[in-house]
Amino acid sequence: MIAAMKSTNAPLFDAAHLARYTGGDAALRDELLGLMCDQARRCLAIMEAPADPASWRAACHTLKGAARGVGAFALADICDAVEGEAETAWPGARLAVERCFRETELAFAAAD
């Protein structure tokens, strides 16, 4: 599963997607991106040491939705790929999600 989740053709950040939902409002865009990054950090903390497989799945699912909402489609795809992998692949899967999040943060910054 780890190899499959590393290969996504989705963009790190589709700024046009987010612009459609914000009407081009830069302040709203920045607020939404900040909220998504905060949510991602909370989810990654849960994924670091999940209490149980349900916690892992919930964190992945939450992050997947937050990422899709702002146009961070590669991150959403990786979360989707690992959502059910708590029992078998969580350490490597979490690292892949975190790496993609870090790359996504850079894409957010470059879009300014």
PDB file of N, CA and C in Angstrom:
ATOM      1  N   MET A   1       0.815  -1.198   0.000  1.00  0.00           N
ATOM      2  CA  MET A   1       0.000   0.000   0.000  1.00  0.00           C
ATOM      3  C   MET A   1       0.855   1.257   0.000  1.00  0.00           C
ATOM      4  N   ILE A   2       1.997   1.262   0.669  1.00  0.00           N
ATOM      5  CA  ILE A   2       2.824   2.461   0.747  1.00  0.00           C
ATOM      6  C   ILE A   2       3.229   2.912  -0.657  1.00  0.00           C
ATOM      7  N   ALA A   3       3.649   2.001  -1.516  1.00  0.00           N
ATOM      8  CA  ALA A   3       4.060   2.378  -2.874  1.00  0.00           C
ATOM      9  C   ALA A   3       2.899   2.989  -3.645  1.00  0.00           C
ATOM     10  N   ALA A   4       1.718   2.428  -3.487  1.00  0.00           N
ATOM     11  CA  ALA A   4       0.555   2.940  -4.205  1.00  0.00           C
ATOM     12  C   ALA A   4       0.208   4.356  -3.775  1.00  0.00           C
ATOM     13  N   MET A   5       0.348   4.649  -2.498  1.00  0.00           N
ATOM     14  CA  MET A   5      -0.059   5.976  -2.039  1.00  0.00           C
ATOM     15  C   MET A   5       0.948   7.048  -2.404  1.00  0.00           C
ATOM     16  N   LYS A   6       2.174   6.657  -2.737  1.00  0.00           N
ATOM     17  CA  LYS A   6       3.176   7.649  -3.111  1.00  0.00           C
ATOM     18  C   LYS A   6       2.981   8.128  -4.536  1.00  0.00           C
ATOM     19  N   SER A   7       2.235   7.390  -5.330  1.00  0.00           N
ATOM     20  CA  SER A   7       2.053   7.777  -6.722  1.00  0.00           C
ATOM     21  C   SER A   7       0.640   8.301  -6.930  1.00  0.00           C
ATOM     22  N   THR A   8       0.538   9.614  -6.975  1.00  0.00           N
ATOM     23  CA  THR A   8      -0.737  10.239  -7.282  1.00  0.00           C
ATOM     24  C   THR A   8      -0.480  11.269  -8.365  1.00  0.00           C
ATOM     25  N   ASN A   9      -1.394  11.375  -9.275  1.00  0.00           N
ATOM     26  CA  ASN A   9      -1.276  12.372 -10.333  1.00  0.00           C
ATOM     27  C   ASN A   9      -1.967  13.669  -9.949  1.00  0.00           C
ATOM     28  N   ALA A  10      -2.541  13.708  -8.781  1.00  0.00           N
ATOM     29  CA  ALA A  10      -3.260  14.894  -8.335  1.00  0.00           C
ATOM     30  C   ALA A  10      -2.279  16.018  -8.004  1.00  0.00           C
ATOM     31  N   PRO A  11      -2.709  17.254  -8.222  1.00  0.00           N
ATOM     32  CA  PRO A  11      -1.832  18.378  -7.881  1.00  0.00           C
ATOM     33  C   PRO A  11      -1.699  18.537  -6.371  1.00  0.00           C
ATOM     34  N   LEU A  12      -0.540  19.044  -5.942  1.00  0.00           N
ATOM     35  CA  LEU A  12      -0.390  19.360  -4.520  1.00  0.00           C
ATOM     36  C   LEU A  12      -1.441  20.372  -4.106  1.00  0.00           C
ATOM     37  N   PHE A  13      -1.608  21.416  -4.903  1.00  0.00           N
ATOM     38  CA  PHE A  13      -2.570  22.466  -4.577  1.00  0.00           C
ATOM     39  C   PHE A  13      -3.153  23.024  -5.863  1.00  0.00           C
ATOM     40  N   ASP A  14      -4.460  22.952  -5.970  1.00  0.00           N
ATOM     41  CA  ASP A  14      -5.181  23.510  -7.108  1.00  0.00           C
ATOM     42  C   ASP A  14      -5.761  24.849  -6.666  1.00  0.00           C
ATOM     43  N   ALA A  15      -4.998  25.911  -6.896  1.00  0.00           N
ATOM     44  CA  ALA A  15      -5.409  27.245  -6.449  1.00  0.00           C
ATOM     45  C   ALA A  15      -6.708  27.681  -7.116  1.00  0.00           C
ATOM     46  N   ALA A  16      -6.932  27.265  -8.356  1.00  0.00           N
ATOM     47  CA  ALA A  16      -8.163  27.632  -9.055  1.00  0.00           C
ATOM     48  C   ALA A  16      -9.381  27.028  -8.363  1.00  0.00           C
ATOM     49  N   HIS A  17      -9.237  25.815  -7.851  1.00  0.00           N
ATOM     50  CA  HIS A  17     -10.330  25.171  -7.116  1.00  0.00           C
ATOM     51  C   HIS A  17     -10.725  26.024  -5.913  1.00  0.00           C
ATOM     52  N   LEU A  18      -9.741  26.422  -5.130  1.00  0.00           N
ATOM     53  CA  LEU A  18     -10.035  27.228  -3.943  1.00  0.00           C
ATOM     54  C   LEU A  18     -10.563  28.605  -4.331  1.00  0.00           C
ATOM     55  N   ALA A  19     -10.043  29.193  -5.397  1.00  0.00           N
ATOM     56  CA  ALA A  19     -10.505  30.514  -5.836  1.00  0.00           C
ATOM     57  C   ALA A  19     -11.980  30.496  -6.216  1.00  0.00           C
ATOM     58  N   ARG A  20     -12.453  29.387  -6.770  1.00  0.00           N
ATOM     59  CA  ARG A  20     -13.874  29.276  -7.112  1.00  0.00           C
ATOM     60  C   ARG A  20     -14.743  29.364  -5.861  1.00  0.00           C
ATOM     61  N   TYR A  21     -14.270  28.807  -4.768  1.00  0.00           N
ATOM     62  CA  TYR A  21     -15.061  28.793  -3.541  1.00  0.00           C
ATOM     63  C   TYR A  21     -14.905  30.057  -2.706  1.00  0.00           C
ATOM     64  N   THR A  22     -13.844  30.783  -2.925  1.00  0.00           N
ATOM     65  CA  THR A  22     -13.617  32.011  -2.154  1.00  0.00           C
ATOM     66  C   THR A  22     -13.957  33.255  -2.952  1.00  0.00           C
ATOM     67  N   GLY A  23     -14.332  33.084  -4.204  1.00  0.00           N
ATOM     68  CA  GLY A  23     -14.623  34.231  -5.045  1.00  0.00           C
ATOM     69  C   GLY A  23     -13.403  35.106  -5.269  1.00  0.00           C
ATOM     70  N   GLY A  24     -12.228  34.522  -5.145  1.00  0.00           N
ATOM     71  CA  GLY A  24     -10.992  35.271  -5.328  1.00  0.00           C
ATOM     72  C   GLY A  24     -10.600  36.128  -4.143  1.00  0.00           C
ATOM     73  N   ASP A  25     -11.302  35.984  -3.027  1.00  0.00           N
ATOM     74  CA  ASP A  25     -11.008  36.771  -1.815  1.00  0.00           C
ATOM     75  C   ASP A  25      -9.739  36.220  -1.157  1.00  0.00           C
ATOM     76  N   ALA A  26      -8.653  36.984  -1.239  1.00  0.00           N
ATOM     77  CA  ALA A  26      -7.354  36.525  -0.728  1.00  0.00           C
ATOM     78  C   ALA A  26      -7.372  36.318   0.780  1.00  0.00           C
ATOM     79  N   ALA A  27      -8.074  37.173   1.509  1.00  0.00           N
ATOM     80  CA  ALA A  27      -8.129  37.034   2.970  1.00  0.00           C
ATOM     81  C   ALA A  27      -8.856  35.749   3.354  1.00  0.00           C
ATOM     82  N   LEU A  28      -9.951  35.460   2.664  1.00  0.00           N
ATOM     83  CA  LEU A  28     -10.693  34.226   2.938  1.00  0.00           C
ATOM     84  C   LEU A  28      -9.848  33.015   2.559  1.00  0.00           C
ATOM     85  N   ARG A  29      -9.165  33.090   1.405  1.00  0.00           N
ATOM     86  CA  ARG A  29      -8.272  31.996   0.995  1.00  0.00           C
ATOM     87  C   ARG A  29      -7.227  31.722   2.071  1.00  0.00           C
ATOM     88  N   ASP A  30      -6.584  32.790   2.544  1.00  0.00           N
ATOM     89  CA  ASP A  30      -5.539  32.626   3.556  1.00  0.00           C
ATOM     90  C   ASP A  30      -6.096  32.043   4.849  1.00  0.00           C
ATOM     91  N   GLU A  31      -7.299  32.479   5.219  1.00  0.00           N
ATOM     92  CA  GLU A  31      -7.920  31.945   6.436  1.00  0.00           C
ATOM     93  C   GLU A  31      -8.207  30.454   6.288  1.00  0.00           C
ATOM     94  N   LEU A  32      -8.759  30.069   5.151  1.00  0.00           N
ATOM     95  CA  LEU A  32      -9.074  28.652   4.927  1.00  0.00           C
ATOM     96  C   LEU A  32      -7.815  27.794   4.877  1.00  0.00           C
ATOM     97  N   LEU A  33      -6.775  28.293   4.235  1.00  0.00           N
ATOM     98  CA  LEU A  33      -5.523  27.533   4.191  1.00  0.00           C
ATOM     99  C   LEU A  33      -4.921  27.400   5.584  1.00  0.00           C
ATOM    100  N   GLY A  34      -5.006  28.452   6.385  1.00  0.00           N
ATOM    101  CA  GLY A  34      -4.513  28.387   7.762  1.00  0.00           C
ATOM    102  C   GLY A  34      -5.286  27.378   8.590  1.00  0.00           C
ATOM    103  N   LEU A  35      -6.613  27.381   8.436  1.00  0.00           N
ATOM    104  CA  LEU A  35      -7.442  26.417   9.164  1.00  0.00           C
ATOM    105  C   LEU A  35      -7.117  24.986   8.735  1.00  0.00           C
ATOM    106  N   MET A  36      -6.918  24.781   7.428  1.00  0.00           N
ATOM    107  CA  MET A  36      -6.582  23.441   6.950  1.00  0.00           C
ATOM    108  C   MET A  36      -5.241  22.989   7.516  1.00  0.00           C
ATOM    109  N   CYS A  37      -4.259  23.887   7.555  1.00  0.00           N
ATOM    110  CA  CYS A  37      -2.942  23.521   8.096  1.00  0.00           C
ATOM    111  C   CYS A  37      -3.035  23.200   9.585  1.00  0.00           C
ATOM    112  N   ASP A  38      -3.820  23.974  10.324  1.00  0.00           N
ATOM    113  CA  ASP A  38      -4.024  23.680  11.747  1.00  0.00           C
ATOM    114  C   ASP A  38      -4.661  22.304  11.922  1.00  0.00           C
ATOM    115  N   GLN A  39      -5.695  22.028  11.112  1.00  0.00           N
ATOM    116  CA  GLN A  39      -6.369  20.730  11.178  1.00  0.00           C
ATOM    117  C   GLN A  39      -5.396  19.609  10.835  1.00  0.00           C
ATOM    118  N   ALA A  40      -4.563  19.819   9.832  1.00  0.00           N
ATOM    119  CA  ALA A  40      -3.590  18.798   9.434  1.00  0.00           C
ATOM    120  C   ALA A  40      -2.629  18.493  10.575  1.00  0.00           C
ATOM    121  N   ARG A  41      -2.166  19.511  11.251  1.00  0.00           N
ATOM    122  CA  ARG A  41      -1.239  19.289  12.374  1.00  0.00           C
ATOM    123  C   ARG A  41      -1.916  18.490  13.494  1.00  0.00           C
ATOM    124  N   ARG A  42      -3.177  18.796  13.766  1.00  0.00           N
ATOM    125  CA  ARG A  42      -3.902  18.023  14.792  1.00  0.00           C
ATOM    126  C   ARG A  42      -4.059  16.564  14.363  1.00  0.00           C
ATOM    127  N   CYS A  43      -4.411  16.356  13.116  1.00  0.00           N
ATOM    128  CA  CYS A  43      -4.577  14.988  12.616  1.00  0.00           C
ATOM    129  C   CYS A  43      -3.258  14.228  12.631  1.00  0.00           C
ATOM    130  N   LEU A  44      -2.183  14.875  12.224  1.00  0.00           N
ATOM    131  CA  LEU A  44      -0.872  14.217  12.237  1.00  0.00           C
ATOM    132  C   LEU A  44      -0.452  13.855  13.656  1.00  0.00           C
ATOM    133  N   ALA A  45      -0.798  14.688  14.629  1.00  0.00           N
ATOM    134  CA  ALA A  45      -0.481  14.366  16.027  1.00  0.00           C
ATOM    135  C   ALA A  45      -1.229  13.111  16.469  1.00  0.00           C
ATOM    136  N   ILE A  46      -2.478  12.987  16.071  1.00  0.00           N
ATOM    137  CA  ILE A  46      -3.252  11.784  16.401  1.00  0.00           C
ATOM    138  C   ILE A  46      -2.647  10.573  15.698  1.00  0.00           C
ATOM    139  N   MET A  47      -2.236  10.759  14.463  1.00  0.00           N
ATOM    140  CA  MET A  47      -1.669   9.659  13.684  1.00  0.00           C
ATOM    141  C   MET A  47      -0.293   9.239  14.201  1.00  0.00           C
ATOM    142  N   GLU A  48       0.377  10.109  14.922  1.00  0.00           N
ATOM    143  CA  GLU A  48       1.699   9.795  15.491  1.00  0.00           C
ATOM    144  C   GLU A  48       1.615   8.612  16.449  1.00  0.00           C
ATOM    145  N   ALA A  49       0.620   8.622  17.287  1.00  0.00           N
ATOM    146  CA  ALA A  49       0.439   7.548  18.273  1.00  0.00           C
ATOM    147  C   ALA A  49      -1.060   7.319  18.464  1.00  0.00           C
ATOM    148  N   PRO A  50      -1.699   6.688  17.480  1.00  0.00           N
ATOM    149  CA  PRO A  50      -3.141   6.505  17.581  1.00  0.00           C
ATOM    150  C   PRO A  50      -3.515   5.602  18.752  1.00  0.00           C
ATOM    151  N   ALA A  51      -4.574   5.970  19.426  1.00  0.00           N
ATOM    152  CA  ALA A  51      -5.060   5.170  20.548  1.00  0.00           C
ATOM    153  C   ALA A  51      -5.591   3.825  20.060  1.00  0.00           C
ATOM    154  N   ASP A  52      -6.135   3.825  18.870  1.00  0.00           N
ATOM    155  CA  ASP A  52      -6.715   2.617  18.294  1.00  0.00           C
ATOM    156  C   ASP A  52      -6.899   2.833  16.789  1.00  0.00           C
ATOM    157  N   PRO A  53      -7.205   1.776  16.057  1.00  0.00           N
ATOM    158  CA  PRO A  53      -7.388   1.930  14.612  1.00  0.00           C
ATOM    159  C   PRO A  53      -8.486   2.929  14.240  1.00  0.00           C
ATOM    160  N   ALA A  54      -9.518   3.024  15.051  1.00  0.00           N
ATOM    161  CA  ALA A  54     -10.597   3.973  14.759  1.00  0.00           C
ATOM    162  C   ALA A  54     -10.093   5.412  14.818  1.00  0.00           C
ATOM    163  N   SER A  55      -9.195   5.707  15.749  1.00  0.00           N
ATOM    164  CA  SER A  55      -8.612   7.053  15.840  1.00  0.00           C
ATOM    165  C   SER A  55      -7.804   7.368  14.590  1.00  0.00           C
ATOM    166  N   TRP A  56      -7.029   6.397  14.130  1.00  0.00           N
ATOM    167  CA  TRP A  56      -6.246   6.564  12.903  1.00  0.00           C
ATOM    168  C   TRP A  56      -7.165   6.868  11.724  1.00  0.00           C
ATOM    169  N   ARG A  57      -8.198   6.033  11.558  1.00  0.00           N
ATOM    170  CA  ARG A  57      -9.121   6.216  10.437  1.00  0.00           C
ATOM    171  C   ARG A  57      -9.807   7.573  10.508  1.00  0.00           C
ATOM    172  N   ALA A  58     -10.229   7.977  11.696  1.00  0.00           N
ATOM    173  CA  ALA A  58     -10.903   9.270  11.849  1.00  0.00           C
ATOM    174  C   ALA A  58      -9.970  10.424  11.496  1.00  0.00           C
ATOM    175  N   ALA A  59      -8.719  10.351  11.928  1.00  0.00           N
ATOM    176  CA  ALA A  59      -7.755  11.415  11.617  1.00  0.00           C
ATOM    177  C   ALA A  59      -7.495  11.476  10.111  1.00  0.00           C
ATOM    178  N   CYS A  60      -7.307  10.323   9.480  1.00  0.00           N
ATOM    179  CA  CYS A  60      -7.097  10.294   8.024  1.00  0.00           C
ATOM    180  C   CYS A  60      -8.307  10.849   7.285  1.00  0.00           C
ATOM    181  N   HIS A  61      -9.482  10.440   7.714  1.00  0.00           N
ATOM    182  CA  HIS A  61     -10.711  10.874   7.056  1.00  0.00           C
ATOM    183  C   HIS A  61     -10.905  12.383   7.205  1.00  0.00           C
ATOM    184  N   THR A  62     -10.657  12.897   8.400  1.00  0.00           N
ATOM    185  CA  THR A  62     -10.784  14.334   8.649  1.00  0.00           C
ATOM    186  C   THR A  62      -9.808  15.119   7.788  1.00  0.00           C
ATOM    187  N   LEU A  63      -8.572  14.673   7.748  1.00  0.00           N
ATOM    188  CA  LEU A  63      -7.559  15.365   6.953  1.00  0.00           C
ATOM    189  C   LEU A  63      -7.879  15.271   5.461  1.00  0.00           C
ATOM    190  N   LYS A  64      -8.375  14.135   5.027  1.00  0.00           N
ATOM    191  CA  LYS A  64      -8.761  13.965   3.620  1.00  0.00           C
ATOM    192  C   LYS A  64      -9.821  14.996   3.231  1.00  0.00           C
ATOM    193  N   GLY A  65     -10.830  15.162   4.066  1.00  0.00           N
ATOM    194  CA  GLY A  65     -11.888  16.128   3.772  1.00  0.00           C
ATOM    195  C   GLY A  65     -11.396  17.562   3.786  1.00  0.00           C
ATOM    196  N   ALA A  66     -10.563  17.893   4.763  1.00  0.00           N
ATOM    197  CA  ALA A  66     -10.019  19.249   4.849  1.00  0.00           C
ATOM    198  C   ALA A  66      -9.164  19.552   3.621  1.00  0.00           C
ATOM    199  N   ALA A  67      -8.361  18.588   3.208  1.00  0.00           N
ATOM    200  CA  ALA A  67      -7.487  18.781   2.051  1.00  0.00           C
ATOM    201  C   ALA A  67      -8.303  18.950   0.774  1.00  0.00           C
ATOM    202  N   ARG A  68      -9.296  18.110   0.582  1.00  0.00           N
ATOM    203  CA  ARG A  68     -10.127  18.230  -0.625  1.00  0.00           C
ATOM    204  C   ARG A  68     -10.840  19.572  -0.668  1.00  0.00           C
ATOM    205  N   GLY A  69     -11.276  20.034   0.479  1.00  0.00           N
ATOM    206  CA  GLY A  69     -12.010  21.296   0.532  1.00  0.00           C
ATOM    207  C   GLY A  69     -11.223  22.487   0.022  1.00  0.00           C
ATOM    208  N   VAL A  70      -9.909  22.471   0.224  1.00  0.00           N
ATOM    209  CA  VAL A  70      -9.096  23.614  -0.211  1.00  0.00           C
ATOM    210  C   VAL A  70      -8.338  23.346  -1.508  1.00  0.00           C
ATOM    211  N   GLY A  71      -8.489  22.162  -2.071  1.00  0.00           N
ATOM    212  CA  GLY A  71      -7.813  21.855  -3.328  1.00  0.00           C
ATOM    213  C   GLY A  71      -6.453  21.201  -3.174  1.00  0.00           C
ATOM    214  N   ALA A  72      -6.166  20.642  -2.006  1.00  0.00           N
ATOM    215  CA  ALA A  72      -4.905  19.917  -1.778  1.00  0.00           C
ATOM    216  C   ALA A  72      -5.148  18.443  -2.113  1.00  0.00           C
ATOM    217  N   PHE A  73      -5.301  18.182  -3.400  1.00  0.00           N
ATOM    218  CA  PHE A  73      -5.788  16.879  -3.838  1.00  0.00           C
ATOM    219  C   PHE A  73      -4.795  15.737  -3.660  1.00  0.00           C
ATOM    220  N   ALA A  74      -3.501  15.988  -3.782  1.00  0.00           N
ATOM    221  CA  ALA A  74      -2.522  14.912  -3.566  1.00  0.00           C
ATOM    222  C   ALA A  74      -2.570  14.443  -2.116  1.00  0.00           C
ATOM    223  N   LEU A  75      -2.660  15.384  -1.185  1.00  0.00           N
ATOM    224  CA  LEU A  75      -2.760  15.030   0.232  1.00  0.00           C
ATOM    225  C   LEU A  75      -4.040  14.247   0.490  1.00  0.00           C
ATOM    226  N   ALA A  76      -5.136  14.676  -0.100  1.00  0.00           N
ATOM    227  CA  ALA A  76      -6.402  13.956   0.062  1.00  0.00           C
ATOM    228  C   ALA A  76      -6.293  12.533  -0.480  1.00  0.00           C
ATOM    229  N   ASP A  77      -5.640  12.376  -1.624  1.00  0.00           N
ATOM    230  CA  ASP A  77      -5.483  11.037  -2.208  1.00  0.00           C
ATOM    231  C   ASP A  77      -4.651  10.124  -1.311  1.00  0.00           C
ATOM    232  N   ILE A  78      -3.585  10.651  -0.748  1.00  0.00           N
ATOM    233  CA  ILE A  78      -2.751   9.835   0.142  1.00  0.00           C
ATOM    234  C   ILE A  78      -3.540   9.445   1.386  1.00  0.00           C
ATOM    235  N   CYS A  79      -4.277  10.388   1.953  1.00  0.00           N
ATOM    236  CA  CYS A  79      -5.100  10.057   3.131  1.00  0.00           C
ATOM    237  C   CYS A  79      -6.128   8.993   2.782  1.00  0.00           C
ATOM    238  N   ASP A  80      -6.728   9.104   1.606  1.00  0.00           N
ATOM    239  CA  ASP A  80      -7.702   8.112   1.172  1.00  0.00           C
ATOM    240  C   ASP A  80      -7.058   6.733   1.055  1.00  0.00           C
ATOM    241  N   ALA A  81      -5.829   6.696   0.544  1.00  0.00           N
ATOM    242  CA  ALA A  81      -5.134   5.420   0.354  1.00  0.00           C
ATOM    243  C   ALA A  81      -4.778   4.747   1.670  1.00  0.00           C
ATOM    244  N   VAL A  82      -4.502   5.525   2.709  1.00  0.00           N
ATOM    245  CA  VAL A  82      -4.032   4.933   3.968  1.00  0.00           C
ATOM    246  C   VAL A  82      -5.095   4.885   5.059  1.00  0.00           C
ATOM    247  N   GLU A  83      -6.268   5.402   4.774  1.00  0.00           N
ATOM    248  CA  GLU A  83      -7.308   5.499   5.805  1.00  0.00           C
ATOM    249  C   GLU A  83      -7.571   4.173   6.506  1.00  0.00           C
ATOM    250  N   GLY A  84      -7.561   3.095   5.794  1.00  0.00           N
ATOM    251  CA  GLY A  84      -7.851   1.796   6.388  1.00  0.00           C
ATOM    252  C   GLY A  84      -6.628   0.991   6.795  1.00  0.00           C
ATOM    253  N   GLU A  85      -5.457   1.603   6.810  1.00  0.00           N
ATOM    254  CA  GLU A  85      -4.211   0.872   7.024  1.00  0.00           C
ATOM    255  C   GLU A  85      -3.639   0.986   8.441  1.00  0.00           C
ATOM    256  N   ALA A  86      -4.431   1.339   9.403  1.00  0.00           N
ATOM    257  CA  ALA A  86      -3.914   1.570  10.758  1.00  0.00           C
ATOM    258  C   ALA A  86      -3.196   0.354  11.321  1.00  0.00           C
ATOM    259  N   GLU A  87      -3.734  -0.811  11.083  1.00  0.00           N
ATOM    260  CA  GLU A  87      -3.179  -2.008  11.693  1.00  0.00           C
ATOM    261  C   GLU A  87      -1.908  -2.497  11.000  1.00  0.00           C
ATOM    262  N   THR A  88      -1.724  -2.160   9.725  1.00  0.00           N
ATOM    263  CA  THR A  88      -0.643  -2.782   8.970  1.00  0.00           C
ATOM    264  C   THR A  88       0.474  -1.849   8.531  1.00  0.00           C
ATOM    265  N   ALA A  89       0.183  -0.592   8.357  1.00  0.00           N
ATOM    266  CA  ALA A  89       1.194   0.271   7.734  1.00  0.00           C
ATOM    267  C   ALA A  89       1.316   1.646   8.364  1.00  0.00           C
ATOM    268  N   TRP A  90       0.839   1.817   9.588  1.00  0.00           N
ATOM    269  CA  TRP A  90       0.722   3.189  10.084  1.00  0.00           C
ATOM    270  C   TRP A  90       2.023   3.962  10.185  1.00  0.00           C
ATOM    271  N   PRO A  91       3.167   3.405  10.624  1.00  0.00           N
ATOM    272  CA  PRO A  91       4.348   4.282  10.732  1.00  0.00           C
ATOM    273  C   PRO A  91       4.789   4.852   9.378  1.00  0.00           C
ATOM    274  N   GLY A  92       4.911   4.007   8.385  1.00  0.00           N
ATOM    275  CA  GLY A  92       5.311   4.480   7.062  1.00  0.00           C
ATOM    276  C   GLY A  92       4.246   5.328   6.407  1.00  0.00           C
ATOM    277  N   ALA A  93       3.000   4.957   6.609  1.00  0.00           N
ATOM    278  CA  ALA A  93       1.905   5.726   6.029  1.00  0.00           C
ATOM    279  C   ALA A  93       1.849   7.122   6.623  1.00  0.00           C
ATOM    280  N   ARG A  94       2.045   7.228   7.922  1.00  0.00           N
ATOM    281  CA  ARG A  94       2.017   8.536   8.562  1.00  0.00           C
ATOM    282  C   ARG A  94       3.138   9.412   8.014  1.00  0.00           C
ATOM    283  N   LEU A  95       4.318   8.843   7.819  1.00  0.00           N
ATOM    284  CA  LEU A  95       5.434   9.612   7.263  1.00  0.00           C
ATOM    285  C   LEU A  95       5.123  10.098   5.852  1.00  0.00           C
ATOM    286  N   ALA A  96       4.490   9.267   5.053  1.00  0.00           N
ATOM    287  CA  ALA A  96       4.121   9.673   3.698  1.00  0.00           C
ATOM    288  C   ALA A  96       3.110  10.813   3.732  1.00  0.00           C
ATOM    289  N   VAL A  97       2.138  10.730   4.630  1.00  0.00           N
ATOM    290  CA  VAL A  97       1.147  11.798   4.770  1.00  0.00           C
ATOM    291  C   VAL A  97       1.836  13.081   5.222  1.00  0.00           C
ATOM    292  N   GLU A  98       2.721  12.967   6.200  1.00  0.00           N
ATOM    293  CA  GLU A  98       3.409  14.156   6.702  1.00  0.00           C
ATOM    294  C   GLU A  98       4.276  14.792   5.614  1.00  0.00           C
ATOM    295  N   ARG A  99       4.996  13.985   4.846  1.00  0.00           N
ATOM    296  CA  ARG A  99       5.825  14.531   3.755  1.00  0.00           C
ATOM    297  C   ARG A  99       4.965  15.275   2.742  1.00  0.00           C
ATOM    298  N   CYS A 100       3.852  14.680   2.391  1.00  0.00           N
ATOM    299  CA  CYS A 100       2.970  15.318   1.420  1.00  0.00           C
ATOM    300  C   CYS A 100       2.397  16.613   1.994  1.00  0.00           C
ATOM    301  N   PHE A 101       2.062  16.618   3.285  1.00  0.00           N
ATOM    302  CA  PHE A 101       1.560  17.840   3.914  1.00  0.00           C
ATOM    303  C   PHE A 101       2.617  18.933   3.856  1.00  0.00           C
ATOM    304  N   ARG A 102       3.864  18.602   4.157  1.00  0.00           N
ATOM    305  CA  ARG A 102       4.946  19.601   4.118  1.00  0.00           C
ATOM    306  C   ARG A 102       5.098  20.164   2.696  1.00  0.00           C
ATOM    307  N   GLU A 103       5.032  19.302   1.695  1.00  0.00           N
ATOM    308  CA  GLU A 103       5.110  19.761   0.306  1.00  0.00           C
ATOM    309  C   GLU A 103       3.907  20.634  -0.041  1.00  0.00           C
ATOM    310  N   THR A 104       2.742  20.266   0.482  1.00  0.00           N
ATOM    311  CA  THR A 104       1.528  21.037   0.242  1.00  0.00           C
ATOM    312  C   THR A 104       1.634  22.419   0.874  1.00  0.00           C
ATOM    313  N   GLU A 105       2.188  22.485   2.087  1.00  0.00           N
ATOM    314  CA  GLU A 105       2.396  23.795   2.727  1.00  0.00           C
ATOM    315  C   GLU A 105       3.265  24.691   1.848  1.00  0.00           C
ATOM    316  N   LEU A 106       4.308  24.126   1.260  1.00  0.00           N
ATOM    317  CA  LEU A 106       5.171  24.900   0.368  1.00  0.00           C
ATOM    318  C   LEU A 106       4.401  25.369  -0.868  1.00  0.00           C
ATOM    319  N   ALA A 107       3.532  24.509  -1.380  1.00  0.00           N
ATOM    320  CA  ALA A 107       2.716  24.896  -2.529  1.00  0.00           C
ATOM    321  C   ALA A 107       1.754  26.018  -2.159  1.00  0.00           C
ATOM    322  N   PHE A 108       1.196  25.966  -0.944  1.00  0.00           N
ATOM    323  CA  PHE A 108       0.327  27.057  -0.486  1.00  0.00           C
ATOM    324  C   PHE A 108       1.105  28.369  -0.470  1.00  0.00           C
ATOM    325  N   ALA A 109       2.297  28.337   0.088  1.00  0.00           N
ATOM    326  CA  ALA A 109       3.121  29.546   0.203  1.00  0.00           C
ATOM    327  C   ALA A 109       3.497  30.083  -1.177  1.00  0.00           C
ATOM    328  N   ALA A 110       3.784  29.194  -2.103  1.00  0.00           N
ATOM    329  CA  ALA A 110       4.170  29.619  -3.450  1.00  0.00           C
ATOM    330  C   ALA A 110       2.999  30.222  -4.214  1.00  0.00           C
ATOM    331  N   ALA A 111       1.781  29.894  -3.821  1.00  0.00           N
ATOM    332  CA  ALA A 111       0.593  30.388  -4.517  1.00  0.00           C
ATOM    333  C   ALA A 111       0.251  31.822  -4.142  1.00  0.00           C
ATOM    334  N   ASP A 112       0.870  32.348  -3.111  1.00  0.00           N
ATOM    335  CA  ASP A 112       0.573  33.732  -2.689  1.00  0.00           C
ATOM    336  C   ASP A 112       0.992  34.739  -3.709  1.00  0.00           C
TER     337      ASP A 112
END
